[in-house]
Amino acid sequence: MNPKEEFRLSNKMQEFLQNTRLEKGLNKVRAEHAWTEQMGPGIANYTQEVWWHNGCLNVRLTSAPLRQELLMGKSKIIKLLNEHLGEELIQELKLL
């Protein structure tokens, strides 16, 4: 196989996602899932709803004291989630 014919599957998958506009939907699912994975079951129990839209991860919590505690570490949480995702998908975190 000559160099022109060689390709990486990951590059082809990325190209496919961009061409079919599935990338935005995939990013949405990945960002929402990252919250549960990285914050753990304790915080997940107090999480009512999570949704991502245009770089903003919105999280509705059932505990006001927990919301206040998480607000103090908001920038660290964004950094943790983006490191887990491997890219800067989350620019803003809204705790509701």
N, C-alpha and C. Protein backbone atom coordinates (compact mmCIF):
# COMPACT_ATOMS: atom_id res chain seq x y z
N MET A 1 0.85 -1.18 0.00
CA MET A 1 0.00 0.00 0.00
C MET A 1 0.89 1.24 0.00
N ASN A 2 0.69 2.13 -0.92
CA ASN A 2 1.52 3.32 -0.97
C ASN A 2 0.99 4.38 0.01
N PRO A 3 1.82 5.38 0.34
CA PRO A 3 1.44 6.38 1.35
C PRO A 3 0.13 7.12 1.05
N LYS A 4 -0.19 7.32 -0.21
CA LYS A 4 -1.43 8.01 -0.54
C LYS A 4 -2.66 7.19 -0.16
N GLU A 5 -2.51 5.89 -0.17
CA GLU A 5 -3.64 5.01 0.13
C GLU A 5 -3.79 4.76 1.62
N GLU A 6 -2.75 5.05 2.38
CA GLU A 6 -2.81 4.81 3.81
C GLU A 6 -3.70 5.86 4.47
N PHE A 7 -4.42 5.42 5.48
CA PHE A 7 -5.24 6.36 6.24
C PHE A 7 -5.42 5.81 7.64
N ARG A 8 -5.71 6.70 8.52
CA ARG A 8 -5.98 6.29 9.89
C ARG A 8 -7.49 6.21 10.06
N LEU A 9 -7.94 5.17 10.70
CA LEU A 9 -9.37 4.99 10.91
C LEU A 9 -9.94 6.15 11.72
N SER A 10 -9.20 6.63 12.72
CA SER A 10 -9.69 7.73 13.54
C SER A 10 -9.89 8.99 12.71
N ASN A 11 -8.99 9.25 11.76
CA ASN A 11 -9.14 10.42 10.89
C ASN A 11 -10.38 10.29 10.01
N LYS A 12 -10.60 9.10 9.50
CA LYS A 12 -11.77 8.86 8.65
C LYS A 12 -13.06 8.98 9.46
N MET A 13 -13.06 8.49 10.69
CA MET A 13 -14.24 8.61 11.54
C MET A 13 -14.54 10.08 11.84
N GLN A 14 -13.50 10.85 12.16
CA GLN A 14 -13.67 12.27 12.44
C GLN A 14 -14.22 13.00 11.21
N GLU A 15 -13.69 12.68 10.06
CA GLU A 15 -14.15 13.28 8.81
C GLU A 15 -15.62 12.92 8.56
N PHE A 16 -15.97 11.67 8.80
CA PHE A 16 -17.35 11.23 8.62
C PHE A 16 -18.30 11.98 9.55
N LEU A 17 -17.91 12.11 10.83
CA LEU A 17 -18.76 12.80 11.80
C LEU A 17 -18.98 14.26 11.41
N GLN A 18 -17.92 14.91 10.95
CA GLN A 18 -18.04 16.31 10.54
C GLN A 18 -18.91 16.46 9.30
N ASN A 19 -18.74 15.56 8.36
CA ASN A 19 -19.51 15.64 7.11
C ASN A 19 -20.99 15.34 7.31
N THR A 20 -21.32 14.52 8.29
CA THR A 20 -22.72 14.15 8.51
C THR A 20 -23.35 14.94 9.65
N ARG A 21 -22.65 15.86 10.21
CA ARG A 21 -23.12 16.72 11.31
C ARG A 21 -23.50 15.93 12.56
N LEU A 22 -22.95 14.75 12.72
CA LEU A 22 -23.20 13.95 13.92
C LEU A 22 -22.29 14.36 15.07
N GLU A 23 -21.24 15.10 14.76
CA GLU A 23 -20.26 15.46 15.78
C GLU A 23 -20.88 16.23 16.94
N LYS A 24 -21.77 17.17 16.64
CA LYS A 24 -22.40 17.96 17.69
C LYS A 24 -23.21 17.07 18.64
N GLY A 25 -23.96 16.14 18.08
CA GLY A 25 -24.74 15.22 18.89
C GLY A 25 -23.87 14.30 19.73
N LEU A 26 -22.77 13.85 19.14
CA LEU A 26 -21.84 13.00 19.87
C LEU A 26 -21.18 13.78 21.01
N ASN A 27 -20.79 15.03 20.75
CA ASN A 27 -20.21 15.86 21.80
C ASN A 27 -21.19 16.09 22.94
N LYS A 28 -22.45 16.26 22.62
CA LYS A 28 -23.49 16.45 23.62
C LYS A 28 -23.56 15.25 24.55
N VAL A 29 -23.60 14.07 23.98
CA VAL A 29 -23.69 12.84 24.77
C VAL A 29 -22.43 12.65 25.61
N ARG A 30 -21.26 12.90 25.02
CA ARG A 30 -20.00 12.74 25.74
C ARG A 30 -19.90 13.69 26.92
N ALA A 31 -20.28 14.95 26.73
CA ALA A 31 -20.20 15.95 27.79
C ALA A 31 -21.15 15.61 28.93
N GLU A 32 -22.37 15.21 28.60
CA GLU A 32 -23.35 14.86 29.62
C GLU A 32 -22.92 13.62 30.40
N HIS A 33 -22.37 12.66 29.71
CA HIS A 33 -21.92 11.42 30.36
C HIS A 33 -20.69 11.68 31.24
N ALA A 34 -19.84 12.61 30.85
CA ALA A 34 -18.63 12.92 31.62
C ALA A 34 -18.99 13.42 33.02
N TRP A 35 -20.08 14.15 33.16
CA TRP A 35 -20.49 14.66 34.47
C TRP A 35 -20.69 13.50 35.45
N THR A 36 -21.47 12.51 35.05
CA THR A 36 -21.75 11.37 35.91
C THR A 36 -20.50 10.57 36.21
N GLU A 37 -19.67 10.33 35.20
CA GLU A 37 -18.45 9.55 35.38
C GLU A 37 -17.46 10.23 36.31
N GLN A 38 -17.24 11.52 36.13
CA GLN A 38 -16.20 12.21 36.88
C GLN A 38 -16.65 12.71 38.25
N MET A 39 -17.91 13.02 38.42
CA MET A 39 -18.37 13.56 39.69
C MET A 39 -18.71 12.46 40.69
N GLY A 40 -18.91 11.26 40.21
CA GLY A 40 -19.13 10.13 41.10
C GLY A 40 -20.58 9.93 41.49
N PRO A 41 -20.86 8.78 42.13
CA PRO A 41 -22.25 8.44 42.46
C PRO A 41 -22.87 9.35 43.51
N GLY A 42 -22.07 9.88 44.43
CA GLY A 42 -22.61 10.77 45.47
C GLY A 42 -23.26 12.00 44.88
N ILE A 43 -22.56 12.67 43.98
CA ILE A 43 -23.10 13.87 43.35
C ILE A 43 -24.15 13.49 42.31
N ALA A 44 -23.97 12.36 41.65
CA ALA A 44 -24.95 11.91 40.66
C ALA A 44 -26.33 11.70 41.30
N ASN A 45 -26.35 11.28 42.57
CA ASN A 45 -27.62 11.08 43.27
C ASN A 45 -28.38 12.39 43.44
N TYR A 46 -27.67 13.50 43.52
CA TYR A 46 -28.30 14.81 43.68
C TYR A 46 -28.46 15.55 42.35
N THR A 47 -28.12 14.88 41.26
CA THR A 47 -28.24 15.48 39.93
C THR A 47 -29.58 15.07 39.32
N GLN A 48 -30.38 16.08 39.02
CA GLN A 48 -31.70 15.82 38.45
C GLN A 48 -31.64 15.77 36.92
N GLU A 49 -30.84 16.66 36.32
CA GLU A 49 -30.81 16.76 34.86
C GLU A 49 -29.47 17.35 34.43
N VAL A 50 -28.94 16.86 33.30
CA VAL A 50 -27.70 17.37 32.73
C VAL A 50 -27.91 17.53 31.23
N TRP A 51 -27.55 18.70 30.71
CA TRP A 51 -27.60 18.90 29.26
C TRP A 51 -26.51 19.85 28.82
N TRP A 52 -26.01 19.61 27.61
CA TRP A 52 -24.92 20.40 27.01
C TRP A 52 -25.44 21.09 25.77
N HIS A 53 -25.10 22.39 25.64
CA HIS A 53 -25.51 23.13 24.45
C HIS A 53 -24.47 24.20 24.15
N ASN A 54 -23.85 24.10 22.98
CA ASN A 54 -22.89 25.11 22.51
C ASN A 54 -21.82 25.47 23.54
N GLY A 55 -21.21 24.47 24.13
CA GLY A 55 -20.09 24.71 25.04
C GLY A 55 -20.48 24.92 26.48
N CYS A 56 -21.76 24.95 26.79
CA CYS A 56 -22.23 25.17 28.16
C CYS A 56 -22.86 23.89 28.70
N LEU A 57 -22.31 23.40 29.81
CA LEU A 57 -22.88 22.23 30.47
C LEU A 57 -23.80 22.74 31.58
N ASN A 58 -25.08 22.42 31.47
CA ASN A 58 -26.08 22.83 32.45
C ASN A 58 -26.41 21.64 33.33
N VAL A 59 -26.37 21.86 34.64
CA VAL A 59 -26.62 20.77 35.59
C VAL A 59 -27.66 21.24 36.60
N ARG A 60 -28.78 20.54 36.66
CA ARG A 60 -29.82 20.86 37.65
C ARG A 60 -29.62 19.92 38.84
N LEU A 61 -29.40 20.52 40.00
CA LEU A 61 -29.16 19.76 41.22
C LEU A 61 -30.36 19.86 42.15
N THR A 62 -30.55 18.85 43.00
CA THR A 62 -31.67 18.85 43.95
C THR A 62 -31.25 19.36 45.32
N SER A 63 -29.98 19.67 45.51
CA SER A 63 -29.48 20.12 46.81
C SER A 63 -28.83 21.50 46.68
N ALA A 64 -29.42 22.50 47.33
CA ALA A 64 -28.86 23.86 47.30
C ALA A 64 -27.49 23.94 47.96
N PRO A 65 -27.27 23.28 49.11
CA PRO A 65 -25.93 23.33 49.72
C PRO A 65 -24.85 22.71 48.81
N LEU A 66 -25.19 21.62 48.13
CA LEU A 66 -24.24 21.00 47.21
C LEU A 66 -23.96 21.94 46.04
N ARG A 67 -24.99 22.59 45.52
CA ARG A 67 -24.81 23.55 44.43
C ARG A 67 -23.83 24.65 44.84
N GLN A 68 -23.99 25.19 46.05
CA GLN A 68 -23.10 26.25 46.54
C GLN A 68 -21.66 25.74 46.65
N GLU A 69 -21.50 24.53 47.14
CA GLU A 69 -20.17 23.93 47.28
C GLU A 69 -19.51 23.75 45.91
N LEU A 70 -20.26 23.26 44.95
CA LEU A 70 -19.72 23.04 43.61
C LEU A 70 -19.42 24.36 42.90
N LEU A 71 -20.20 25.39 43.17
CA LEU A 71 -19.95 26.70 42.55
C LEU A 71 -18.57 27.23 42.90
N MET A 72 -18.11 26.93 44.11
CA MET A 72 -16.79 27.41 44.54
C MET A 72 -15.66 26.75 43.76
N GLY A 73 -15.89 25.54 43.25
CA GLY A 73 -14.85 24.84 42.49
C GLY A 73 -15.19 24.70 41.02
N LYS A 74 -15.99 25.61 40.50
CA LYS A 74 -16.49 25.52 39.12
C LYS A 74 -15.37 25.41 38.09
N SER A 75 -14.34 26.22 38.19
CA SER A 75 -13.26 26.19 37.19
C SER A 75 -12.49 24.86 37.25
N LYS A 76 -12.33 24.31 38.46
CA LYS A 76 -11.65 23.02 38.58
C LYS A 76 -12.50 21.90 37.97
N ILE A 77 -13.80 22.00 38.13
CA ILE A 77 -14.71 20.99 37.57
C ILE A 77 -14.65 21.04 36.05
N ILE A 78 -14.68 22.23 35.47
CA ILE A 78 -14.60 22.38 34.02
C ILE A 78 -13.30 21.77 33.50
N LYS A 79 -12.20 22.06 34.19
CA LYS A 79 -10.89 21.52 33.79
C LYS A 79 -10.89 19.99 33.88
N LEU A 80 -11.42 19.44 34.95
CA LEU A 80 -11.49 17.99 35.14
C LEU A 80 -12.30 17.32 34.03
N LEU A 81 -13.45 17.89 33.72
CA LEU A 81 -14.32 17.31 32.69
C LEU A 81 -13.66 17.38 31.31
N ASN A 82 -13.03 18.52 30.99
CA ASN A 82 -12.37 18.66 29.69
C ASN A 82 -11.17 17.72 29.57
N GLU A 83 -10.44 17.51 30.66
CA GLU A 83 -9.32 16.56 30.62
C GLU A 83 -9.85 15.15 30.37
N HIS A 84 -10.96 14.81 30.99
CA HIS A 84 -11.57 13.50 30.78
C HIS A 84 -12.02 13.33 29.33
N LEU A 85 -12.57 14.40 28.76
CA LEU A 85 -13.05 14.36 27.38
C LEU A 85 -11.93 14.42 26.35
N GLY A 86 -10.77 14.93 26.75
CA GLY A 86 -9.64 15.03 25.84
C GLY A 86 -9.69 16.23 24.92
N GLU A 87 -10.62 17.13 25.15
CA GLU A 87 -10.72 18.36 24.37
C GLU A 87 -11.54 19.38 25.16
N GLU A 88 -11.49 20.63 24.72
CA GLU A 88 -12.17 21.72 25.41
C GLU A 88 -13.63 21.83 24.94
N LEU A 89 -14.44 20.85 25.31
CA LEU A 89 -15.85 20.87 24.92
C LEU A 89 -16.67 21.78 25.82
N ILE A 90 -16.26 21.90 27.08
CA ILE A 90 -17.04 22.65 28.05
C ILE A 90 -16.32 23.96 28.36
N GLN A 91 -16.94 25.07 27.97
CA GLN A 91 -16.37 26.38 28.27
C GLN A 91 -17.05 27.00 29.49
N GLU A 92 -18.29 26.59 29.74
CA GLU A 92 -19.06 27.18 30.83
C GLU A 92 -19.83 26.07 31.55
N LEU A 93 -20.00 26.24 32.86
CA LEU A 93 -20.76 25.30 33.67
C LEU A 93 -21.81 26.08 34.44
N LYS A 94 -23.07 25.74 34.22
CA LYS A 94 -24.17 26.38 34.95
C LYS A 94 -24.78 25.36 35.90
N LEU A 95 -24.76 25.69 37.18
CA LEU A 95 -25.35 24.83 38.19
C LEU A 95 -26.69 25.43 38.59
N LEU A 96 -27.74 24.71 38.32
CA LEU A 96 -29.10 25.22 38.54
C LEU A 96 -29.79 24.48 39.67
